Structure formats: structure tokens, C-alpha cells
Amino acid sequence: MRCGWTYILTNKPEGVLHVGVTADLAARMMQHRAGTGSSFCRKYGLKRLVLAEQHSSIENAIAREKALKAWQRAWKIRLIEDVNPNWEDLFDQLV
């Protein structure tokens, strides 16, 4: 069974947020950083990885992504700050 990831990107602390899902987080982040990720991320310069959650299956990751996208913005910010209070870019921990 293939694992999956949900992640949140931003352009700055408490800036624009993007919730995504992928099976290969490092490869997906390279796409975002190269400007070949989603058009939404390119438009707002979303390259800072502030939250990453690993799941046991891609199906579980997709379900979590859908749930996170339905959350209020304040809840997403609280989730980020619970695990990453300084809004540090977690990308360096991937490579």
C-alpha cells in the first residue's frame, strides 16, 4: 500500500494558504518551488511548506485533504501553529 501526504503551503506567516495532497512530498515540493505546481500556488508565490502530515494510504491522505479544505482559516492557522509555531519552512527537513 502506498502512503500519502497532506501538506499546507504559504507565502509568509499567516499569508495565503494552500492545502494539497501527494504520494511523494519531496517531488511535489520540487514542482512547487520550480513553478510547475498548481497555478494557484504560482499566482501567490506559495513555496513555504509549513505543515506536512504522513498517512498510511493515499486514500486516507485524500480524505484528510478534503477535511482540511473544509476547515475555517482560523482552524488551519491553529493547526500550523500547534506543530510549527514559527511558520518555518519544513522543506529542508525533506531533503
N, C-alpha and C. Protein backbone atom coordinates (compact mmCIF):
# COMPACT_ATOMS: atom_id res chain seq x y z
N MET A 1 0.84 -1.18 0.00
CA MET A 1 0.00 0.00 0.00
C MET A 1 0.89 1.25 0.00
N ARG A 2 0.54 2.19 -0.81
CA ARG A 2 1.31 3.42 -0.95
C ARG A 2 0.85 4.45 0.08
N CYS A 3 1.79 5.09 0.74
CA CYS A 3 1.43 6.12 1.72
C CYS A 3 1.11 7.42 0.99
N GLY A 4 0.58 8.36 1.73
CA GLY A 4 0.24 9.66 1.16
C GLY A 4 0.55 10.76 2.14
N TRP A 5 0.55 11.96 1.64
CA TRP A 5 0.84 13.15 2.45
C TRP A 5 -0.23 14.21 2.21
N THR A 6 -0.58 14.92 3.27
CA THR A 6 -1.29 16.19 3.12
C THR A 6 -0.30 17.25 3.55
N TYR A 7 -0.43 18.43 2.96
CA TYR A 7 0.52 19.49 3.27
C TYR A 7 -0.15 20.85 3.13
N ILE A 8 0.43 21.83 3.79
CA ILE A 8 -0.03 23.21 3.66
C ILE A 8 1.16 24.07 3.28
N LEU A 9 0.96 24.87 2.24
CA LEU A 9 1.96 25.84 1.78
C LEU A 9 1.46 27.24 2.06
N THR A 10 2.40 28.16 2.19
CA THR A 10 2.08 29.58 2.34
C THR A 10 3.18 30.40 1.70
N ASN A 11 2.96 31.71 1.62
CA ASN A 11 3.98 32.61 1.12
C ASN A 11 4.65 33.38 2.24
N LYS A 12 4.01 33.44 3.40
CA LYS A 12 4.56 34.13 4.58
C LYS A 12 3.71 33.73 5.78
N PRO A 13 4.20 33.96 6.99
CA PRO A 13 3.40 33.62 8.17
C PRO A 13 2.01 34.28 8.09
N GLU A 14 1.00 33.47 8.29
CA GLU A 14 -0.40 33.88 8.24
C GLU A 14 -0.79 34.47 6.89
N GLY A 15 -0.08 34.08 5.84
CA GLY A 15 -0.38 34.54 4.49
C GLY A 15 -1.42 33.64 3.83
N VAL A 16 -1.39 33.62 2.50
CA VAL A 16 -2.29 32.77 1.73
C VAL A 16 -1.94 31.31 2.01
N LEU A 17 -2.96 30.46 2.17
CA LEU A 17 -2.74 29.04 2.46
C LEU A 17 -3.22 28.18 1.30
N HIS A 18 -2.49 27.09 1.08
CA HIS A 18 -2.89 26.08 0.09
C HIS A 18 -2.76 24.71 0.73
N VAL A 19 -3.84 23.94 0.69
CA VAL A 19 -3.84 22.56 1.20
C VAL A 19 -3.72 21.64 0.00
N GLY A 20 -2.77 20.71 0.07
CA GLY A 20 -2.57 19.78 -1.03
C GLY A 20 -2.39 18.35 -0.54
N VAL A 21 -2.36 17.43 -1.51
CA VAL A 21 -2.17 16.01 -1.22
C VAL A 21 -1.23 15.44 -2.28
N THR A 22 -0.40 14.49 -1.88
CA THR A 22 0.53 13.87 -2.82
C THR A 22 1.01 12.53 -2.26
N ALA A 23 1.52 11.70 -3.14
CA ALA A 23 2.14 10.44 -2.71
C ALA A 23 3.64 10.63 -2.49
N ASP A 24 4.22 11.66 -3.09
CA ASP A 24 5.66 11.92 -2.99
C ASP A 24 5.87 13.39 -2.64
N LEU A 25 5.99 13.67 -1.36
CA LEU A 25 6.06 15.06 -0.89
C LEU A 25 7.29 15.79 -1.41
N ALA A 26 8.44 15.15 -1.39
CA ALA A 26 9.66 15.82 -1.85
C ALA A 26 9.55 16.21 -3.32
N ALA A 27 9.05 15.30 -4.15
CA ALA A 27 8.91 15.60 -5.58
C ALA A 27 7.88 16.70 -5.80
N ARG A 28 6.78 16.66 -5.06
CA ARG A 28 5.75 17.68 -5.21
C ARG A 28 6.28 19.05 -4.81
N MET A 29 7.06 19.10 -3.73
CA MET A 29 7.63 20.37 -3.29
C MET A 29 8.61 20.92 -4.34
N MET A 30 9.35 20.04 -4.98
CA MET A 30 10.26 20.49 -6.03
C MET A 30 9.45 21.11 -7.18
N GLN A 31 8.30 20.55 -7.49
CA GLN A 31 7.44 21.13 -8.52
C GLN A 31 6.97 22.52 -8.12
N HIS A 32 6.49 22.65 -6.89
CA HIS A 32 6.03 23.96 -6.42
C HIS A 32 7.16 24.98 -6.45
N ARG A 33 8.32 24.59 -6.00
CA ARG A 33 9.46 25.51 -5.96
C ARG A 33 9.96 25.89 -7.34
N ALA A 34 9.77 25.00 -8.31
CA ALA A 34 10.19 25.28 -9.69
C ALA A 34 9.12 26.05 -10.46
N GLY A 35 7.96 26.27 -9.83
CA GLY A 35 6.88 26.99 -10.50
C GLY A 35 6.05 26.13 -11.41
N THR A 36 6.17 24.80 -11.27
CA THR A 36 5.38 23.89 -12.10
C THR A 36 4.27 23.21 -11.30
N GLY A 37 4.03 23.69 -10.09
CA GLY A 37 2.93 23.17 -9.29
C GLY A 37 1.62 23.78 -9.77
N SER A 38 0.67 23.91 -8.91
CA SER A 38 -0.64 24.44 -9.31
C SER A 38 -0.54 25.92 -9.69
N SER A 39 -1.46 26.35 -10.53
CA SER A 39 -1.48 27.76 -10.95
C SER A 39 -1.79 28.67 -9.75
N PHE A 40 -2.60 28.19 -8.82
CA PHE A 40 -2.90 28.96 -7.61
C PHE A 40 -1.62 29.25 -6.83
N CYS A 41 -0.78 28.23 -6.68
CA CYS A 41 0.48 28.40 -5.94
C CYS A 41 1.43 29.34 -6.68
N ARG A 42 1.47 29.23 -7.99
CA ARG A 42 2.31 30.14 -8.78
C ARG A 42 1.83 31.58 -8.63
N LYS A 43 0.53 31.77 -8.71
CA LYS A 43 -0.06 33.12 -8.64
C LYS A 43 0.30 33.82 -7.34
N TYR A 44 0.28 33.10 -6.23
CA TYR A 44 0.52 33.71 -4.93
C TYR A 44 1.91 33.44 -4.36
N GLY A 45 2.76 32.78 -5.11
CA GLY A 45 4.13 32.51 -4.65
C GLY A 45 4.19 31.60 -3.44
N LEU A 46 3.37 30.57 -3.43
CA LEU A 46 3.30 29.67 -2.28
C LEU A 46 4.38 28.59 -2.41
N LYS A 47 5.45 28.76 -1.64
CA LYS A 47 6.57 27.82 -1.70
C LYS A 47 7.04 27.37 -0.32
N ARG A 48 6.49 27.98 0.72
CA ARG A 48 6.92 27.65 2.08
C ARG A 48 6.05 26.52 2.63
N LEU A 49 6.65 25.37 2.89
CA LEU A 49 5.96 24.21 3.46
C LEU A 49 5.89 24.40 4.97
N VAL A 50 4.68 24.59 5.50
CA VAL A 50 4.54 24.85 6.93
C VAL A 50 3.88 23.71 7.69
N LEU A 51 3.30 22.75 6.96
CA LEU A 51 2.70 21.59 7.61
C LEU A 51 2.75 20.41 6.67
N ALA A 52 3.15 19.26 7.18
CA ALA A 52 3.15 18.02 6.39
C ALA A 52 2.70 16.90 7.31
N GLU A 53 1.71 16.15 6.85
CA GLU A 53 1.19 15.01 7.61
C GLU A 53 1.29 13.77 6.74
N GLN A 54 1.92 12.73 7.25
CA GLN A 54 2.01 11.48 6.52
C GLN A 54 0.84 10.58 6.91
N HIS A 55 0.29 9.86 5.92
CA HIS A 55 -0.84 8.97 6.14
C HIS A 55 -0.51 7.58 5.64
N SER A 56 -1.19 6.60 6.17
CA SER A 56 -0.89 5.21 5.83
C SER A 56 -1.27 4.84 4.40
N SER A 57 -2.16 5.60 3.79
CA SER A 57 -2.55 5.34 2.40
C SER A 57 -2.88 6.65 1.70
N ILE A 58 -2.82 6.63 0.38
CA ILE A 58 -3.18 7.83 -0.37
C ILE A 58 -4.66 8.14 -0.19
N GLU A 59 -5.47 7.11 -0.01
CA GLU A 59 -6.91 7.34 0.22
C GLU A 59 -7.15 8.11 1.52
N ASN A 60 -6.40 7.74 2.57
CA ASN A 60 -6.52 8.46 3.84
C ASN A 60 -6.04 9.91 3.69
N ALA A 61 -4.98 10.10 2.91
CA ALA A 61 -4.46 11.44 2.68
C ALA A 61 -5.48 12.29 1.93
N ILE A 62 -6.13 11.72 0.94
CA ILE A 62 -7.14 12.45 0.18
C ILE A 62 -8.32 12.83 1.07
N ALA A 63 -8.73 11.91 1.94
CA ALA A 63 -9.83 12.21 2.87
C ALA A 63 -9.44 13.35 3.81
N ARG A 64 -8.20 13.33 4.29
CA ARG A 64 -7.72 14.40 5.18
C ARG A 64 -7.65 15.72 4.44
N GLU A 65 -7.19 15.70 3.19
CA GLU A 65 -7.13 16.94 2.40
C GLU A 65 -8.52 17.54 2.26
N LYS A 66 -9.50 16.72 1.94
CA LYS A 66 -10.87 17.22 1.79
C LYS A 66 -11.38 17.82 3.10
N ALA A 67 -11.06 17.17 4.20
CA ALA A 67 -11.48 17.69 5.50
C ALA A 67 -10.81 19.02 5.79
N LEU A 68 -9.49 19.11 5.56
CA LEU A 68 -8.77 20.35 5.82
C LEU A 68 -9.28 21.50 4.95
N LYS A 69 -9.59 21.19 3.70
CA LYS A 69 -10.09 22.24 2.81
C LYS A 69 -11.44 22.79 3.28
N ALA A 70 -12.19 21.99 4.02
CA ALA A 70 -13.48 22.43 4.54
C ALA A 70 -13.34 23.22 5.84
N TRP A 71 -12.17 23.18 6.45
CA TRP A 71 -11.94 23.88 7.71
C TRP A 71 -11.96 25.39 7.52
N GLN A 72 -12.29 26.09 8.58
CA GLN A 72 -12.16 27.54 8.61
C GLN A 72 -10.67 27.90 8.63
N ARG A 73 -10.34 29.06 8.10
CA ARG A 73 -8.96 29.52 8.05
C ARG A 73 -8.32 29.55 9.45
N ALA A 74 -9.05 30.02 10.44
CA ALA A 74 -8.52 30.10 11.81
C ALA A 74 -8.12 28.72 12.33
N TRP A 75 -8.86 27.69 11.98
CA TRP A 75 -8.53 26.33 12.42
C TRP A 75 -7.24 25.86 11.76
N LYS A 76 -7.07 26.19 10.48
CA LYS A 76 -5.84 25.80 9.78
C LYS A 76 -4.63 26.50 10.39
N ILE A 77 -4.79 27.78 10.71
CA ILE A 77 -3.69 28.53 11.33
C ILE A 77 -3.35 27.93 12.69
N ARG A 78 -4.36 27.57 13.47
CA ARG A 78 -4.11 26.95 14.78
C ARG A 78 -3.38 25.62 14.63
N LEU A 79 -3.78 24.81 13.64
CA LEU A 79 -3.11 23.54 13.37
C LEU A 79 -1.64 23.76 13.04
N ILE A 80 -1.37 24.70 12.16
CA ILE A 80 0.01 25.01 11.78
C ILE A 80 0.80 25.45 13.00
N GLU A 81 0.25 26.38 13.77
CA GLU A 81 0.98 26.93 14.91
C GLU A 81 1.17 25.92 16.04
N ASP A 82 0.31 24.91 16.12
CA ASP A 82 0.50 23.86 17.12
C ASP A 82 1.76 23.04 16.84
N VAL A 83 2.07 22.81 15.57
CA VAL A 83 3.23 21.99 15.22
C VAL A 83 4.41 22.80 14.69
N ASN A 84 4.16 24.02 14.24
CA ASN A 84 5.20 24.85 13.64
C ASN A 84 4.95 26.31 14.03
N PRO A 85 5.14 26.65 15.30
CA PRO A 85 4.75 27.98 15.79
C PRO A 85 5.47 29.14 15.12
N ASN A 86 6.65 28.91 14.57
CA ASN A 86 7.39 29.99 13.91
C ASN A 86 7.19 30.02 12.40
N TRP A 87 6.30 29.19 11.90
CA TRP A 87 6.00 29.13 10.47
C TRP A 87 7.27 28.89 9.66
N GLU A 88 8.15 28.03 10.18
CA GLU A 88 9.39 27.72 9.47
C GLU A 88 9.10 26.89 8.23
N ASP A 89 9.97 27.03 7.23
CA ASP A 89 9.85 26.24 6.01
C ASP A 89 10.39 24.84 6.32
N LEU A 90 9.56 23.84 6.22
CA LEU A 90 9.93 22.46 6.56
C LEU A 90 10.58 21.72 5.38
N PHE A 91 10.73 22.39 4.26
CA PHE A 91 11.29 21.75 3.06
C PHE A 91 12.66 21.17 3.31
N ASP A 92 13.51 21.89 4.04
CA ASP A 92 14.88 21.41 4.29
C ASP A 92 14.91 20.09 5.06
N GLN A 93 13.86 19.80 5.80
CA GLN A 93 13.79 18.54 6.54
C GLN A 93 13.46 17.36 5.62
N LEU A 94 12.99 17.66 4.41
CA LEU A 94 12.65 16.60 3.45
C LEU A 94 13.86 16.08 2.69
N VAL A 95 14.78 16.98 2.38
CA VAL A 95 15.92 16.60 1.53
C VAL A 95 17.17 16.35 2.33
